Amino acid sequence: MNGRTKILLTDWKAGRLKLLAKKTQLNFEYQKLKADVNKISKIRSNAHSILGVERRELQQSQAQKLPQQESMKDRLARAKKQADEYNASRTQTPKSKAYKDRGDR
């Protein structure tokens, strides 16, 4: 304030008008950008919905090409069989030659 304690009324009004003009201009730009964001958001959601429909159609066509998936009962039976085979193979390991030789004594 250059050593002054009071602001001249004319200077204050001029500064206020400049700031109001800048505020108005920035608000106008903000509203324009906000409208653009809304448009882009709508386009994006439409694109996602179109892609979702296409993806679902693709998955359905692939599902029709694949054979029927095995039932849960079949999967459990197969898993049990594999577990039994694994356990059987662990208990039937051949004895090492050193173990056989030791038994001959």
Protein backbone atom coordinates (compact mmCIF):
# COMPACT_ATOMS: atom_id res chain seq x y z
CA MET A 1 0.00 0.00 0.00
CA ASN A 2 3.03 2.23 -0.30
CA GLY A 3 2.82 3.50 3.24
CA ARG A 4 -0.87 4.32 3.04
CA THR A 5 -3.26 2.93 5.59
CA LYS A 6 -6.39 3.48 3.50
CA ILE A 7 -7.29 2.29 0.01
CA LEU A 8 -8.74 4.89 -2.29
CA LEU A 9 -12.33 4.09 -3.20
CA THR A 10 -11.69 4.50 -6.92
CA ASP A 11 -8.71 2.12 -6.80
CA TRP A 12 -10.76 -0.40 -4.86
CA LYS A 13 -13.66 -0.23 -7.33
CA ALA A 14 -11.32 -0.60 -10.31
CA GLY A 15 -9.62 -3.63 -8.78
CA ARG A 16 -12.99 -5.12 -7.89
CA LEU A 17 -14.27 -4.74 -11.47
CA LYS A 18 -11.14 -6.39 -12.88
CA LEU A 19 -11.50 -9.32 -10.49
CA LEU A 20 -15.23 -9.69 -11.25
CA ALA A 21 -14.51 -9.72 -15.00
CA LYS A 22 -11.85 -12.39 -14.49
CA LYS A 23 -14.21 -14.40 -12.27
CA THR A 24 -16.95 -14.24 -14.92
CA GLN A 25 -14.57 -15.35 -17.65
CA LEU A 26 -13.22 -18.25 -15.55
CA ASN A 27 -16.74 -19.32 -14.58
CA PHE A 28 -17.76 -19.36 -18.25
CA GLU A 29 -14.75 -21.55 -19.12
CA TYR A 30 -15.52 -23.82 -16.16
CA GLN A 31 -19.13 -24.32 -17.29
CA LYS A 32 -17.96 -25.12 -20.82
CA LEU A 33 -15.44 -27.68 -19.55
CA LYS A 34 -18.03 -29.19 -17.21
CA ALA A 35 -20.41 -29.69 -20.16
CA ASP A 36 -17.60 -31.35 -22.14
CA VAL A 37 -16.87 -33.72 -19.25
CA ASN A 38 -20.56 -34.68 -19.06
CA LYS A 39 -20.63 -35.39 -22.81
CA ILE A 40 -17.48 -37.50 -22.59
CA SER A 41 -18.88 -39.37 -19.61
CA LYS A 42 -22.04 -40.24 -21.57
CA ILE A 43 -19.99 -41.38 -24.57
CA ARG A 44 -17.79 -43.49 -22.30
CA SER A 45 -20.75 -45.19 -20.62
CA ASN A 46 -22.36 -45.90 -24.01
CA ALA A 47 -19.11 -47.38 -25.31
CA HIS A 48 -18.79 -49.57 -22.22
CA SER A 49 -22.36 -50.82 -22.60
CA ILE A 50 -21.77 -51.63 -26.28
CA LEU A 51 -18.54 -53.45 -25.44
CA GLY A 52 -20.31 -55.32 -22.66
CA VAL A 53 -23.00 -56.55 -25.06
CA GLU A 54 -20.39 -57.61 -27.59
CA ARG A 55 -18.35 -59.35 -24.88
CA ARG A 56 -21.42 -61.24 -23.63
CA GLU A 57 -22.31 -62.31 -27.18
CA LEU A 58 -18.75 -63.53 -27.72
CA GLN A 59 -18.76 -65.48 -24.47
CA GLN A 60 -22.10 -67.07 -25.34
CA SER A 61 -20.88 -68.13 -28.77
CA GLN A 62 -17.71 -69.60 -27.24
CA ALA A 63 -19.74 -71.40 -24.60
CA GLN A 64 -21.87 -73.01 -27.29
CA LYS A 65 -18.75 -74.25 -29.07
CA LEU A 66 -17.27 -75.82 -25.92
CA PRO A 67 -18.48 -79.20 -24.69
CA GLN A 68 -20.55 -79.27 -21.56
CA GLN A 69 -18.48 -78.70 -18.46
CA GLU A 70 -18.17 -81.60 -16.12
CA SER A 71 -20.48 -81.58 -13.15
CA MET A 72 -19.31 -80.89 -9.62
CA LYS A 73 -19.83 -84.56 -8.75
CA ASP A 74 -17.52 -85.64 -11.59
CA ARG A 75 -14.91 -83.08 -10.58
CA LEU A 76 -14.95 -84.29 -6.97
CA ALA A 77 -14.67 -87.92 -8.07
CA ARG A 78 -11.71 -87.08 -10.32
CA ALA A 79 -9.99 -85.14 -7.54
CA LYS A 80 -10.51 -88.02 -5.08
CA LYS A 81 -9.11 -90.50 -7.59
CA GLN A 82 -6.03 -88.33 -8.13
CA ALA A 83 -5.51 -87.99 -4.39
CA ASP A 84 -5.83 -91.76 -3.90
CA GLU A 85 -3.32 -92.40 -6.69
CA TYR A 86 -0.90 -89.90 -5.16
CA ASN A 87 -1.19 -91.43 -1.69
CA ALA A 88 -0.78 -94.94 -3.11
CA SER A 89 2.36 -93.95 -5.00
CA ARG A 90 3.89 -92.50 -1.82
CA THR A 91 3.31 -95.65 0.22
CA GLN A 92 4.57 -98.04 -2.47
CA THR A 93 8.03 -96.57 -2.98
CA PRO A 94 10.58 -99.28 -3.66
CA LYS A 95 13.08 -99.90 -0.89
CA SER A 96 16.61 -98.84 -1.59
CA LYS A 97 19.32 -101.40 -2.30
CA ALA A 98 21.14 -100.53 0.93
CA TYR A 99 18.02 -101.29 2.95
CA LYS A 100 17.63 -104.68 1.24
CA ASP A 101 21.28 -105.55 1.85
CA ARG A 102 20.99 -104.72 5.52
CA GLY A 103 18.11 -107.16 5.89
CA ASP A 104 20.27 -110.04 4.64
CA ARG A 105 22.56 -110.01 7.65
